[in-house]
Amino acid sequence: MRLLIQRVNQASVTVAGEVVGAIGVGFVILVGVTHTDTLAEAAWLAQKVAGLRLFEDAEGKMNLGLADVGGSLLVISQFTLYGEVSKGRRPSWVAAARPQQAEPLVNHFIQQLRALGFTVATGVFGAEMVVDIQNHGPVTLMIERE
């Protein structure tokens, strides 16, 4: 799994003109799934996200975690994180898992975050979404378990 995490002041996701998920301060997490990913990996990544310290303390250092600032999460599935563009001009999606495999793993990741006590808003799996992100910093990280 690949996670693209952005620290945000606020974010929302809209499907067919309707806002389906929105948060204030927190993280937007775009989640990509590949063929070899497992439930254990999804759980490990949820723990990793829970422990990230990406918010500034009184001294301006990134010492505070999501729980410290009362932040929320907006999790959106994004198969394009596994797009390959080394050859040609059009991306290849061969490394991206099929929806039948990816959706349960994304849902497990979300459930793990909720079990850790976080408020988690989501997009709609497989839908065309408009994501409005107010990245703070900007702070953006790519996380994978290798």
C-alpha atoms as a PDB file:
ATOM      1  CA  MET A   1       0.000   0.000   0.000  1.00  0.00           C
ATOM      2  CA  ARG A   2       1.056   3.534  -0.681  1.00  0.00           C
ATOM      3  CA  LEU A   3      -0.187   6.460   1.327  1.00  0.00           C
ATOM      4  CA  LEU A   4       0.147  10.046   0.221  1.00  0.00           C
ATOM      5  CA  ILE A   5      -0.484  12.102   3.353  1.00  0.00           C
ATOM      6  CA  GLN A   6      -1.106  15.828   3.372  1.00  0.00           C
ATOM      7  CA  ARG A   7      -1.410  17.951   6.501  1.00  0.00           C
ATOM      8  CA  VAL A   8      -4.441  20.171   5.989  1.00  0.00           C
ATOM      9  CA  ASN A   9      -6.338  23.045   7.538  1.00  0.00           C
ATOM     10  CA  GLN A  10      -9.472  21.681   5.901  1.00  0.00           C
ATOM     11  CA  ALA A  11     -10.497  19.338   3.113  1.00  0.00           C
ATOM     12  CA  SER A  12     -13.579  17.911   1.465  1.00  0.00           C
ATOM     13  CA  VAL A  13     -14.552  15.407  -1.202  1.00  0.00           C
ATOM     14  CA  THR A  14     -17.528  15.822  -3.517  1.00  0.00           C
ATOM     15  CA  VAL A  15     -19.253  13.170  -5.635  1.00  0.00           C
ATOM     16  CA  ALA A  16     -21.906  14.143  -8.212  1.00  0.00           C
ATOM     17  CA  GLY A  17     -22.159  17.627  -6.714  1.00  0.00           C
ATOM     18  CA  GLU A  18     -22.669  16.399  -3.139  1.00  0.00           C
ATOM     19  CA  VAL A  19     -20.088  16.704  -0.356  1.00  0.00           C
ATOM     20  CA  VAL A  20     -19.639  13.161   0.942  1.00  0.00           C
ATOM     21  CA  GLY A  21     -16.779  13.803   3.371  1.00  0.00           C
ATOM     22  CA  ALA A  22     -15.192  16.847   5.007  1.00  0.00           C
ATOM     23  CA  ILE A  23     -12.724  17.593   7.800  1.00  0.00           C
ATOM     24  CA  GLY A  24     -11.064  20.542   9.454  1.00  0.00           C
ATOM     25  CA  VAL A  25      -7.493  20.274  10.723  1.00  0.00           C
ATOM     26  CA  GLY A  26      -5.961  16.887  10.056  1.00  0.00           C
ATOM     27  CA  PHE A  27      -4.625  14.646   7.314  1.00  0.00           C
ATOM     28  CA  VAL A  28      -5.895  13.837   3.865  1.00  0.00           C
ATOM     29  CA  ILE A  29      -4.699  10.355   3.017  1.00  0.00           C
ATOM     30  CA  LEU A  30      -4.769   9.115  -0.553  1.00  0.00           C
ATOM     31  CA  VAL A  31      -4.499   5.303  -0.512  1.00  0.00           C
ATOM     32  CA  GLY A  32      -3.158   3.151  -3.321  1.00  0.00           C
ATOM     33  CA  VAL A  33      -3.263  -0.652  -3.216  1.00  0.00           C
ATOM     34  CA  THR A  34      -1.102  -3.100  -5.155  1.00  0.00           C
ATOM     35  CA  HIS A  35      -1.424  -6.856  -5.719  1.00  0.00           C
ATOM     36  CA  THR A  36       0.702  -8.042  -2.800  1.00  0.00           C
ATOM     37  CA  ASP A  37      -0.922  -5.914  -0.078  1.00  0.00           C
ATOM     38  CA  THR A  38      -2.481  -7.540   2.985  1.00  0.00           C
ATOM     39  CA  LEU A  39      -4.750  -6.748   5.920  1.00  0.00           C
ATOM     40  CA  ALA A  40      -1.695  -6.805   8.175  1.00  0.00           C
ATOM     41  CA  GLU A  41      -0.035  -4.131   6.067  1.00  0.00           C
ATOM     42  CA  ALA A  42      -3.155  -1.964   6.227  1.00  0.00           C
ATOM     43  CA  ALA A  43      -3.189  -2.294  10.024  1.00  0.00           C
ATOM     44  CA  TRP A  44       0.530  -1.458  10.256  1.00  0.00           C
ATOM     45  CA  LEU A  45       0.031   1.665   8.143  1.00  0.00           C
ATOM     46  CA  ALA A  46      -2.895   2.774  10.331  1.00  0.00           C
ATOM     47  CA  GLN A  47      -0.627   2.520  13.388  1.00  0.00           C
ATOM     48  CA  LYS A  48       2.048   4.491  11.540  1.00  0.00           C
ATOM     49  CA  VAL A  49      -0.400   7.273  10.675  1.00  0.00           C
ATOM     50  CA  ALA A  50      -1.643   7.371  14.275  1.00  0.00           C
ATOM     51  CA  GLY A  51       1.878   8.039  15.520  1.00  0.00           C
ATOM     52  CA  LEU A  52       2.977  10.629  12.985  1.00  0.00           C
ATOM     53  CA  ARG A  53       3.993  13.947  14.489  1.00  0.00           C
ATOM     54  CA  LEU A  54       3.403  16.487  11.734  1.00  0.00           C
ATOM     55  CA  PHE A  55       1.937  19.382  13.695  1.00  0.00           C
ATOM     56  CA  GLU A  56       4.009  22.159  15.215  1.00  0.00           C
ATOM     57  CA  ASP A  57       4.384  22.694  18.932  1.00  0.00           C
ATOM     58  CA  ALA A  58       4.807  26.099  20.633  1.00  0.00           C
ATOM     59  CA  GLU A  59       8.432  26.184  19.468  1.00  0.00           C
ATOM     60  CA  GLY A  60       7.536  25.578  15.830  1.00  0.00           C
ATOM     61  CA  LYS A  61       8.833  21.986  15.760  1.00  0.00           C
ATOM     62  CA  MET A  62       6.833  19.086  14.363  1.00  0.00           C
ATOM     63  CA  ASN A  63       6.267  17.382  17.715  1.00  0.00           C
ATOM     64  CA  LEU A  64       2.489  17.033  17.832  1.00  0.00           C
ATOM     65  CA  GLY A  65       0.407  14.197  16.481  1.00  0.00           C
ATOM     66  CA  LEU A  66      -3.113  14.110  15.135  1.00  0.00           C
ATOM     67  CA  ALA A  67      -4.587  13.269  18.547  1.00  0.00           C
ATOM     68  CA  ASP A  68      -2.688  16.163  20.176  1.00  0.00           C
ATOM     69  CA  VAL A  69      -4.396  18.700  17.916  1.00  0.00           C
ATOM     70  CA  GLY A  70      -7.821  17.041  17.828  1.00  0.00           C
ATOM     71  CA  GLY A  71      -7.435  16.395  14.115  1.00  0.00           C
ATOM     72  CA  SER A  72      -9.469  14.246  11.758  1.00  0.00           C
ATOM     73  CA  LEU A  73      -8.731  12.191   8.670  1.00  0.00           C
ATOM     74  CA  LEU A  74     -10.120  12.197   5.155  1.00  0.00           C
ATOM     75  CA  VAL A  75      -9.242   8.895   3.453  1.00  0.00           C
ATOM     76  CA  ILE A  76      -9.648   8.529  -0.301  1.00  0.00           C
ATOM     77  CA  SER A  77      -8.819   5.508  -2.428  1.00  0.00           C
ATOM     78  CA  GLN A  78      -6.588   6.418  -5.368  1.00  0.00           C
ATOM     79  CA  PHE A  79      -5.359   3.669  -7.683  1.00  0.00           C
ATOM     80  CA  THR A  80      -3.337   6.215  -9.671  1.00  0.00           C
ATOM     81  CA  LEU A  81      -0.681   6.154  -6.926  1.00  0.00           C
ATOM     82  CA  TYR A  82       0.496   2.977  -8.654  1.00  0.00           C
ATOM     83  CA  GLY A  83       0.581   4.507 -12.126  1.00  0.00           C
ATOM     84  CA  GLU A  84       3.770   3.740 -14.064  1.00  0.00           C
ATOM     85  CA  VAL A  85       5.018   6.290 -16.588  1.00  0.00           C
ATOM     86  CA  SER A  86       8.575   5.165 -17.338  1.00  0.00           C
ATOM     87  CA  LYS A  87       7.591   4.036 -20.840  1.00  0.00           C
ATOM     88  CA  GLY A  88       5.422   5.879 -23.284  1.00  0.00           C
ATOM     89  CA  ARG A  89       3.134   8.795 -22.588  1.00  0.00           C
ATOM     90  CA  ARG A  90       0.127   7.111 -21.092  1.00  0.00           C
ATOM     91  CA  PRO A  91       0.300   5.664 -17.567  1.00  0.00           C
ATOM     92  CA  SER A  92       0.109   1.934 -17.022  1.00  0.00           C
ATOM     93  CA  TRP A  93      -2.056   0.736 -14.132  1.00  0.00           C
ATOM     94  CA  VAL A  94      -0.701  -2.835 -14.060  1.00  0.00           C
ATOM     95  CA  ALA A  95       0.677  -2.426 -10.520  1.00  0.00           C
ATOM     96  CA  ALA A  96      -2.659  -1.210  -9.119  1.00  0.00           C
ATOM     97  CA  ALA A  97      -4.843  -3.861  -7.489  1.00  0.00           C
ATOM     98  CA  ARG A  98      -8.258  -4.613  -8.975  1.00  0.00           C
ATOM     99  CA  PRO A  99     -11.220  -3.089  -7.113  1.00  0.00           C
ATOM    100  CA  GLN A 100     -12.239  -6.487  -5.675  1.00  0.00           C
ATOM    101  CA  GLN A 101      -8.909  -6.646  -3.819  1.00  0.00           C
ATOM    102  CA  ALA A 102      -8.362  -2.950  -3.159  1.00  0.00           C
ATOM    103  CA  GLU A 103     -11.716  -1.966  -1.652  1.00  0.00           C
ATOM    104  CA  PRO A 104     -11.599  -4.404   1.306  1.00  0.00           C
ATOM    105  CA  LEU A 105      -8.030  -3.304   2.113  1.00  0.00           C
ATOM    106  CA  VAL A 106      -8.923   0.393   2.015  1.00  0.00           C
ATOM    107  CA  ASN A 107     -11.961  -0.319   4.213  1.00  0.00           C
ATOM    108  CA  HIS A 108      -9.796  -2.262   6.672  1.00  0.00           C
ATOM    109  CA  PHE A 109      -7.340   0.659   6.837  1.00  0.00           C
ATOM    110  CA  ILE A 110     -10.248   3.014   7.600  1.00  0.00           C
ATOM    111  CA  GLN A 111     -11.650   0.652  10.257  1.00  0.00           C
ATOM    112  CA  GLN A 112      -8.241   0.420  11.921  1.00  0.00           C
ATOM    113  CA  LEU A 113      -7.983   4.228  12.110  1.00  0.00           C
ATOM    114  CA  ARG A 114     -11.467   4.444  13.625  1.00  0.00           C
ATOM    115  CA  ALA A 115     -10.577   1.719  16.132  1.00  0.00           C
ATOM    116  CA  LEU A 116      -7.647   3.894  17.204  1.00  0.00           C
ATOM    117  CA  GLY A 117     -10.160   6.624  18.088  1.00  0.00           C
ATOM    118  CA  PHE A 118      -9.887   8.909  15.075  1.00  0.00           C
ATOM    119  CA  THR A 119     -12.736  10.560  13.217  1.00  0.00           C
ATOM    120  CA  VAL A 120     -12.453   9.411   9.612  1.00  0.00           C
ATOM    121  CA  ALA A 121     -14.345  10.862   6.664  1.00  0.00           C
ATOM    122  CA  THR A 122     -14.095   9.111   3.302  1.00  0.00           C
ATOM    123  CA  GLY A 123     -14.635   9.432  -0.380  1.00  0.00           C
ATOM    124  CA  VAL A 124     -16.655   6.902  -2.382  1.00  0.00           C
ATOM    125  CA  PHE A 125     -14.645   3.951  -3.666  1.00  0.00           C
ATOM    126  CA  GLY A 126     -14.477   3.916  -7.460  1.00  0.00           C
ATOM    127  CA  ALA A 127     -16.378   7.169  -7.916  1.00  0.00           C
ATOM    128  CA  GLU A 128     -15.125  10.201  -9.762  1.00  0.00           C
ATOM    129  CA  MET A 129     -14.418  12.667  -6.971  1.00  0.00           C
ATOM    130  CA  VAL A 130     -13.529  16.310  -6.630  1.00  0.00           C
ATOM    131  CA  VAL A 131     -11.142  16.747  -3.718  1.00  0.00           C
ATOM    132  CA  ASP A 132     -10.647  20.177  -2.202  1.00  0.00           C
ATOM    133  CA  ILE A 133      -7.490  20.270  -0.087  1.00  0.00           C
ATOM    134  CA  GLN A 134      -6.069  23.210   1.821  1.00  0.00           C
ATOM    135  CA  ASN A 135      -2.574  21.815   2.433  1.00  0.00           C
ATOM    136  CA  HIS A 136      -0.910  23.444   5.434  1.00  0.00           C
ATOM    137  CA  GLY A 137       2.823  23.997   5.153  1.00  0.00           C
ATOM    138  CA  PRO A 138       2.730  22.455   2.650  1.00  0.00           C
ATOM    139  CA  VAL A 139       3.471  19.142   4.320  1.00  0.00           C
ATOM    140  CA  THR A 140       3.151  16.043   2.131  1.00  0.00           C
ATOM    141  CA  LEU A 141       4.599  12.567   2.770  1.00  0.00           C
ATOM    142  CA  MET A 142       4.594   9.285   0.849  1.00  0.00           C
ATOM    143  CA  ILE A 143       4.566   6.215   3.096  1.00  0.00           C
ATOM    144  CA  GLU A 144       4.896   2.571   2.063  1.00  0.00           C
ATOM    145  CA  ARG A 145       5.738  -0.543   3.959  1.00  0.00           C
ATOM    146  CA  GLU A 146       8.475  -2.384   2.135  1.00  0.00           C
END
